[in-house]
């Protein structure tokens, strides 16, 4: 299953697109498919545009829907 996650390093937030799977020992593991950069000073709308652009670049935007809370 692929998903976005936010990591924090040196007080900065970074957005990553990762794939979760089980390794050969059956343990949960994660592989980073793409680093989308520093999002520390971005608004929610800007982050949403980055994620949509990422989907469009790979031609997979039809597989995802945006959920607004």
PDB file of N, CA and C in Angstrom:
ATOM      1  N   UNK A   1       0.835  -1.168   0.000  1.00  0.00           N
ATOM      2  CA  UNK A   1       0.000   0.000   0.000  1.00  0.00           C
ATOM      3  C   UNK A   1       0.889   1.243   0.000  1.00  0.00           C
ATOM      4  N   UNK A   2       0.638   2.172  -0.910  1.00  0.00           N
ATOM      5  CA  UNK A   2       1.396   3.415  -0.969  1.00  0.00           C
ATOM      6  C   UNK A   2       0.621   4.518  -0.264  1.00  0.00           C
ATOM      7  N   UNK A   3       1.369   5.424   0.364  1.00  0.00           N
ATOM      8  CA  UNK A   3       0.750   6.519   1.099  1.00  0.00           C
ATOM      9  C   UNK A   3       1.756   7.647   1.267  1.00  0.00           C
ATOM     10  N   UNK A   4       1.272   8.792   1.707  1.00  0.00           N
ATOM     11  CA  UNK A   4       2.144   9.910   2.035  1.00  0.00           C
ATOM     12  C   UNK A   4       2.436   9.873   3.527  1.00  0.00           C
ATOM     13  N   UNK A   5       3.639  10.310   3.880  1.00  0.00           N
ATOM     14  CA  UNK A   5       3.951  10.470   5.299  1.00  0.00           C
ATOM     15  C   UNK A   5       4.813  11.709   5.462  1.00  0.00           C
ATOM     16  N   UNK A   6       4.729  12.249   6.638  1.00  0.00           N
ATOM     17  CA  UNK A   6       5.493  13.439   6.977  1.00  0.00           C
ATOM     18  C   UNK A   6       6.570  13.029   7.968  1.00  0.00           C
ATOM     19  N   UNK A   7       7.818  13.409   7.696  1.00  0.00           N
ATOM     20  CA  UNK A   7       8.909  13.139   8.624  1.00  0.00           C
ATOM     21  C   UNK A   7       9.475  14.479   9.081  1.00  0.00           C
ATOM     22  N   UNK A   8      10.062  14.478  10.264  1.00  0.00           N
ATOM     23  CA  UNK A   8      10.637  15.696  10.816  1.00  0.00           C
ATOM     24  C   UNK A   8      12.114  15.463  11.083  1.00  0.00           C
ATOM     25  N   UNK A   9      12.927  16.411  10.598  1.00  0.00           N
ATOM     26  CA  UNK A   9      14.369  16.352  10.804  1.00  0.00           C
ATOM     27  C   UNK A   9      14.871  17.773  11.007  1.00  0.00           C
ATOM     28  N   UNK A  10      15.567  17.985  12.083  1.00  0.00           N
ATOM     29  CA  UNK A  10      16.114  19.311  12.399  1.00  0.00           C
ATOM     30  C   UNK A  10      15.043  20.398  12.335  1.00  0.00           C
ATOM     31  N   UNK A  11      13.905  20.136  12.956  1.00  0.00           N
ATOM     32  CA  UNK A  11      12.783  21.088  13.052  1.00  0.00           C
ATOM     33  C   UNK A  11      12.151  21.444  11.707  1.00  0.00           C
ATOM     34  N   UNK A  12      12.366  20.619  10.682  1.00  0.00           N
ATOM     35  CA  UNK A  12      11.734  20.830   9.379  1.00  0.00           C
ATOM     36  C   UNK A  12      10.909  19.603   9.024  1.00  0.00           C
ATOM     37  N   UNK A  13       9.773  19.825   8.373  1.00  0.00           N
ATOM     38  CA  UNK A  13       8.882  18.733   7.965  1.00  0.00           C
ATOM     39  C   UNK A  13       9.100  18.421   6.495  1.00  0.00           C
ATOM     40  N   UNK A  14       9.173  17.132   6.185  1.00  0.00           N
ATOM     41  CA  UNK A  14       9.377  16.686   4.814  1.00  0.00           C
ATOM     42  C   UNK A  14       8.265  15.720   4.432  1.00  0.00           C
ATOM     43  N   UNK A  15       7.800  15.827   3.194  1.00  0.00           N
ATOM     44  CA  UNK A  15       6.746  14.969   2.698  1.00  0.00           C
ATOM     45  C   UNK A  15       7.360  13.865   1.846  1.00  0.00           C
ATOM     46  N   UNK A  16       6.971  12.612   2.130  1.00  0.00           N
ATOM     47  CA  UNK A  16       7.468  11.461   1.389  1.00  0.00           C
ATOM     48  C   UNK A  16       6.301  10.614   0.906  1.00  0.00           C
ATOM     49  N   UNK A  17       6.486   9.980  -0.242  1.00  0.00           N
ATOM     50  CA  UNK A  17       5.529   9.010  -0.755  1.00  0.00           C
ATOM     51  C   UNK A  17       6.169   7.654  -0.532  1.00  0.00           C
ATOM     52  N   UNK A  18       5.537   6.801   0.286  1.00  0.00           N
ATOM     53  CA  UNK A  18       6.148   5.543   0.707  1.00  0.00           C
ATOM     54  C   UNK A  18       5.246   4.350   0.417  1.00  0.00           C
ATOM     55  N   UNK A  19       5.860   3.193   0.341  1.00  0.00           N
ATOM     56  CA  UNK A  19       5.147   1.932   0.111  1.00  0.00           C
ATOM     57  C   UNK A  19       5.398   1.030   1.318  1.00  0.00           C
ATOM     58  N   UNK A  20       4.333   0.543   1.936  1.00  0.00           N
ATOM     59  CA  UNK A  20       4.440  -0.370   3.073  1.00  0.00           C
ATOM     60  C   UNK A  20       4.282  -1.802   2.577  1.00  0.00           C
ATOM     61  N   UNK A  21       5.100  -2.680   3.096  1.00  0.00           N
ATOM     62  CA  UNK A  21       5.071  -4.087   2.704  1.00  0.00           C
ATOM     63  C   UNK A  21       5.667  -4.940   3.815  1.00  0.00           C
ATOM     64  N   UNK A  22       5.654  -6.225   3.634  1.00  0.00           N
ATOM     65  CA  UNK A  22       6.311  -7.137   4.572  1.00  0.00           C
ATOM     66  C   UNK A  22       7.564  -7.687   3.905  1.00  0.00           C
ATOM     67  N   UNK A  23       8.678  -7.652   4.624  1.00  0.00           N
ATOM     68  CA  UNK A  23       9.928  -8.149   4.056  1.00  0.00           C
ATOM     69  C   UNK A  23       9.966  -9.676   4.071  1.00  0.00           C
ATOM     70  N   UNK A  24      11.075 -10.239   3.656  1.00  0.00           N
ATOM     71  CA  UNK A  24      11.181 -11.693   3.543  1.00  0.00           C
ATOM     72  C   UNK A  24      11.039 -12.419   4.887  1.00  0.00           C
ATOM     73  N   UNK A  25      11.238 -11.699   5.991  1.00  0.00           N
ATOM     74  CA  UNK A  25      11.049 -12.284   7.323  1.00  0.00           C
ATOM     75  C   UNK A  25       9.629 -12.098   7.837  1.00  0.00           C
ATOM     76  N   UNK A  26       8.782 -11.460   7.024  1.00  0.00           N
ATOM     77  CA  UNK A  26       7.403 -11.225   7.422  1.00  0.00           C
ATOM     78  C   UNK A  26       7.211 -10.000   8.300  1.00  0.00           C
ATOM     79  N   UNK A  27       8.251  -9.188   8.435  1.00  0.00           N
ATOM     80  CA  UNK A  27       8.179  -7.993   9.271  1.00  0.00           C
ATOM     81  C   UNK A  27       7.716  -6.788   8.447  1.00  0.00           C
ATOM     82  N   UNK A  28       6.973  -5.869   9.053  1.00  0.00           N
ATOM     83  CA  UNK A  28       6.556  -4.664   8.334  1.00  0.00           C
ATOM     84  C   UNK A  28       7.779  -3.834   7.936  1.00  0.00           C
ATOM     85  N   UNK A  29       7.757  -3.313   6.716  1.00  0.00           N
ATOM     86  CA  UNK A  29       8.854  -2.486   6.226  1.00  0.00           C
ATOM     87  C   UNK A  29       8.268  -1.384   5.347  1.00  0.00           C
ATOM     88  N   UNK A  30       9.061  -0.354   5.117  1.00  0.00           N
ATOM     89  CA  UNK A  30       8.628   0.779   4.304  1.00  0.00           C
ATOM     90  C   UNK A  30       9.733   1.139   3.322  1.00  0.00           C
ATOM     91  N   UNK A  31       9.342   1.405   2.078  1.00  0.00           N
ATOM     92  CA  UNK A  31      10.288   1.848   1.055  1.00  0.00           C
ATOM     93  C   UNK A  31       9.853   3.230   0.582  1.00  0.00           C
ATOM     94  N   UNK A  32      10.788   4.180   0.569  1.00  0.00           N
ATOM     95  CA  UNK A  32      10.486   5.529   0.098  1.00  0.00           C
ATOM     96  C   UNK A  32      10.471   5.502  -1.428  1.00  0.00           C
ATOM     97  N   UNK A  33       9.329   5.847  -2.016  1.00  0.00           N
ATOM     98  CA  UNK A  33       9.183   5.895  -3.467  1.00  0.00           C
ATOM     99  C   UNK A  33       9.523   7.272  -4.013  1.00  0.00           C
ATOM    100  N   UNK A  34       9.336   8.303  -3.182  1.00  0.00           N
ATOM    101  CA  UNK A  34       9.651   9.653  -3.620  1.00  0.00           C
ATOM    102  C   UNK A  34       9.700  10.629  -2.467  1.00  0.00           C
ATOM    103  N   UNK A  35      10.697  11.508  -2.498  1.00  0.00           N
ATOM    104  CA  UNK A  35      10.786  12.598  -1.538  1.00  0.00           C
ATOM    105  C   UNK A  35      10.228  13.835  -2.214  1.00  0.00           C
ATOM    106  N   UNK A  36       9.186  14.408  -1.617  1.00  0.00           N
ATOM    107  CA  UNK A  36       8.529  15.554  -2.228  1.00  0.00           C
ATOM    108  C   UNK A  36       9.011  16.879  -1.648  1.00  0.00           C
ATOM    109  N   UNK A  37       9.923  16.841  -0.725  1.00  0.00           N
ATOM    110  CA  UNK A  37      10.575  18.050  -0.260  1.00  0.00           C
ATOM    111  C   UNK A  37      10.110  18.601   1.079  1.00  0.00           C
ATOM    112  N   UNK A  38      10.697  19.737   1.408  1.00  0.00           N
ATOM    113  CA  UNK A  38      10.454  20.441   2.660  1.00  0.00           C
ATOM    114  C   UNK A  38       9.103  21.142   2.578  1.00  0.00           C
ATOM    115  N   UNK A  39       8.219  20.819   3.506  1.00  0.00           N
ATOM    116  CA  UNK A  39       6.878  21.419   3.504  1.00  0.00           C
ATOM    117  C   UNK A  39       6.641  22.285   4.737  1.00  0.00           C
ATOM    118  N   UNK A  40       7.692  22.611   5.450  1.00  0.00           N
ATOM    119  CA  UNK A  40       7.585  23.339   6.706  1.00  0.00           C
ATOM    120  C   UNK A  40       6.783  24.633   6.573  1.00  0.00           C
ATOM    121  N   UNK A  41       7.041  25.411   5.545  1.00  0.00           N
ATOM    122  CA  UNK A  41       6.404  26.724   5.407  1.00  0.00           C
ATOM    123  C   UNK A  41       5.288  26.746   4.374  1.00  0.00           C
ATOM    124  N   UNK A  42       4.759  25.590   3.985  1.00  0.00           N
ATOM    125  CA  UNK A  42       3.702  25.532   2.985  1.00  0.00           C
ATOM    126  C   UNK A  42       2.324  25.449   3.630  1.00  0.00           C
ATOM    127  N   UNK A  43       1.350  26.018   2.946  1.00  0.00           N
ATOM    128  CA  UNK A  43      -0.030  25.927   3.424  1.00  0.00           C
ATOM    129  C   UNK A  43      -0.604  24.565   3.028  1.00  0.00           C
ATOM    130  N   UNK A  44      -1.773  24.224   3.573  1.00  0.00           N
ATOM    131  CA  UNK A  44      -2.440  22.976   3.205  1.00  0.00           C
ATOM    132  C   UNK A  44      -2.729  22.909   1.715  1.00  0.00           C
ATOM    133  N   UNK A  45      -3.161  24.023   1.143  1.00  0.00           N
ATOM    134  CA  UNK A  45      -3.461  24.063  -0.298  1.00  0.00           C
ATOM    135  C   UNK A  45      -2.214  23.813  -1.137  1.00  0.00           C
ATOM    136  N   UNK A  46      -1.093  24.370  -0.733  1.00  0.00           N
ATOM    137  CA  UNK A  46       0.154  24.154  -1.472  1.00  0.00           C
ATOM    138  C   UNK A  46       0.602  22.701  -1.394  1.00  0.00           C
ATOM    139  N   UNK A  47       0.440  22.090  -0.238  1.00  0.00           N
ATOM    140  CA  UNK A  47       0.794  20.679  -0.070  1.00  0.00           C
ATOM    141  C   UNK A  47      -0.123  19.812  -0.926  1.00  0.00           C
ATOM    142  N   UNK A  48      -1.397  20.156  -0.969  1.00  0.00           N
ATOM    143  CA  UNK A  48      -2.349  19.420  -1.800  1.00  0.00           C
ATOM    144  C   UNK A  48      -1.962  19.515  -3.274  1.00  0.00           C
ATOM    145  N   UNK A  49      -1.540  20.701  -3.727  1.00  0.00           N
ATOM    146  CA  UNK A  49      -1.119  20.866  -5.123  1.00  0.00           C
ATOM    147  C   UNK A  49       0.107  20.019  -5.436  1.00  0.00           C
ATOM    148  N   UNK A  50       1.038  19.928  -4.492  1.00  0.00           N
ATOM    149  CA  UNK A  50       2.236  19.105  -4.699  1.00  0.00           C
ATOM    150  C   UNK A  50       1.849  17.639  -4.861  1.00  0.00           C
ATOM    151  N   UNK A  51       0.977  17.151  -3.989  1.00  0.00           N
ATOM    152  CA  UNK A  51       0.583  15.743  -4.065  1.00  0.00           C
ATOM    153  C   UNK A  51      -0.171  15.450  -5.362  1.00  0.00           C
ATOM    154  N   UNK A  52      -1.057  16.353  -5.774  1.00  0.00           N
ATOM    155  CA  UNK A  52      -1.783  16.160  -7.030  1.00  0.00           C
ATOM    156  C   UNK A  52      -0.834  16.174  -8.224  1.00  0.00           C
ATOM    157  N   UNK A  53       0.154  17.056  -8.199  1.00  0.00           N
ATOM    158  CA  UNK A  53       1.142  17.104  -9.276  1.00  0.00           C
ATOM    159  C   UNK A  53       1.934  15.813  -9.352  1.00  0.00           C
ATOM    160  N   UNK A  54       2.248  15.260  -8.198  1.00  0.00           N
ATOM    161  CA  UNK A  54       2.973  13.986  -8.135  1.00  0.00           C
ATOM    162  C   UNK A  54       2.146  12.886  -8.800  1.00  0.00           C
ATOM    163  N   UNK A  55       0.847  12.824  -8.479  1.00  0.00           N
ATOM    164  CA  UNK A  55      -0.031  11.826  -9.091  1.00  0.00           C
ATOM    165  C   UNK A  55      -0.124  12.019 -10.604  1.00  0.00           C
ATOM    166  N   UNK A  56      -0.272  13.276 -11.030  1.00  0.00           N
ATOM    167  CA  UNK A  56      -0.396  13.561 -12.458  1.00  0.00           C
ATOM    168  C   UNK A  56       0.881  13.195 -13.212  1.00  0.00           C
ATOM    169  N   UNK A  57       2.034  13.436 -12.620  1.00  0.00           N
ATOM    170  CA  UNK A  57       3.310  13.121 -13.262  1.00  0.00           C
ATOM    171  C   UNK A  57       3.438  11.633 -13.561  1.00  0.00           C
ATOM    172  N   UNK A  58       2.840  10.815 -12.709  1.00  0.00           N
ATOM    173  CA  UNK A  58       2.898   9.372 -12.895  1.00  0.00           C
ATOM    174  C   UNK A  58       1.650   8.815 -13.564  1.00  0.00           C
ATOM    175  N   UNK A  59       0.711   9.710 -13.913  1.00  0.00           N
ATOM    176  CA  UNK A  59      -0.499   9.282 -14.601  1.00  0.00           C
ATOM    177  C   UNK A  59      -1.416   8.415 -13.762  1.00  0.00           C
ATOM    178  N   UNK A  60      -1.425   8.649 -12.458  1.00  0.00           N
ATOM    179  CA  UNK A  60      -2.232   7.812 -11.564  1.00  0.00           C
ATOM    180  C   UNK A  60      -3.281   8.609 -10.800  1.00  0.00           C
ATOM    181  N   UNK A  61      -3.573   9.835 -11.231  1.00  0.00           N
ATOM    182  CA  UNK A  61      -4.514  10.681 -10.483  1.00  0.00           C
ATOM    183  C   UNK A  61      -5.912  10.090 -10.409  1.00  0.00           C
ATOM    184  N   UNK A  62      -6.281   9.234 -11.384  1.00  0.00           N
ATOM    185  CA  UNK A  62      -7.623   8.640 -11.371  1.00  0.00           C
ATOM    186  C   UNK A  62      -7.780   7.570 -10.290  1.00  0.00           C
ATOM    187  N   UNK A  63      -6.682   7.137  -9.686  1.00  0.00           N
ATOM    188  CA  UNK A  63      -6.741   6.116  -8.624  1.00  0.00           C
ATOM    189  C   UNK A  63      -7.022   6.709  -7.245  1.00  0.00           C
ATOM    190  N   UNK A  64      -6.938   8.030  -7.125  1.00  0.00           N
ATOM    191  CA  UNK A  64      -7.033   8.662  -5.810  1.00  0.00           C
ATOM    192  C   UNK A  64      -8.142   9.696  -5.755  1.00  0.00           C
ATOM    193  N   UNK A  65      -8.711   9.835  -4.582  1.00  0.00           N
ATOM    194  CA  UNK A  65      -9.693  10.890  -4.342  1.00  0.00           C
ATOM    195  C   UNK A  65      -9.201  11.732  -3.174  1.00  0.00           C
ATOM    196  N   UNK A  66      -9.532  12.992  -3.214  1.00  0.00           N
ATOM    197  CA  UNK A  66      -9.133  13.883  -2.125  1.00  0.00           C
ATOM    198  C   UNK A  66     -10.251  13.921  -1.102  1.00  0.00           C
ATOM    199  N   UNK A  67      -9.902  13.732   0.150  1.00  0.00           N
ATOM    200  CA  UNK A  67     -10.875  13.800   1.244  1.00  0.00           C
ATOM    201  C   UNK A  67     -10.698  15.102   1.989  1.00  0.00           C
ATOM    202  N   UNK A  68     -11.746  15.881   2.047  1.00  0.00           N
ATOM    203  CA  UNK A  68     -11.731  17.123   2.814  1.00  0.00           C
ATOM    204  C   UNK A  68     -12.443  16.874   4.140  1.00  0.00           C
ATOM    205  N   UNK A  69     -11.801  17.197   5.235  1.00  0.00           N
ATOM    206  CA  UNK A  69     -12.389  16.981   6.556  1.00  0.00           C
ATOM    207  C   UNK A  69     -13.039  18.228   7.046  1.00  0.00           C
TER     208      UNK A  69
END
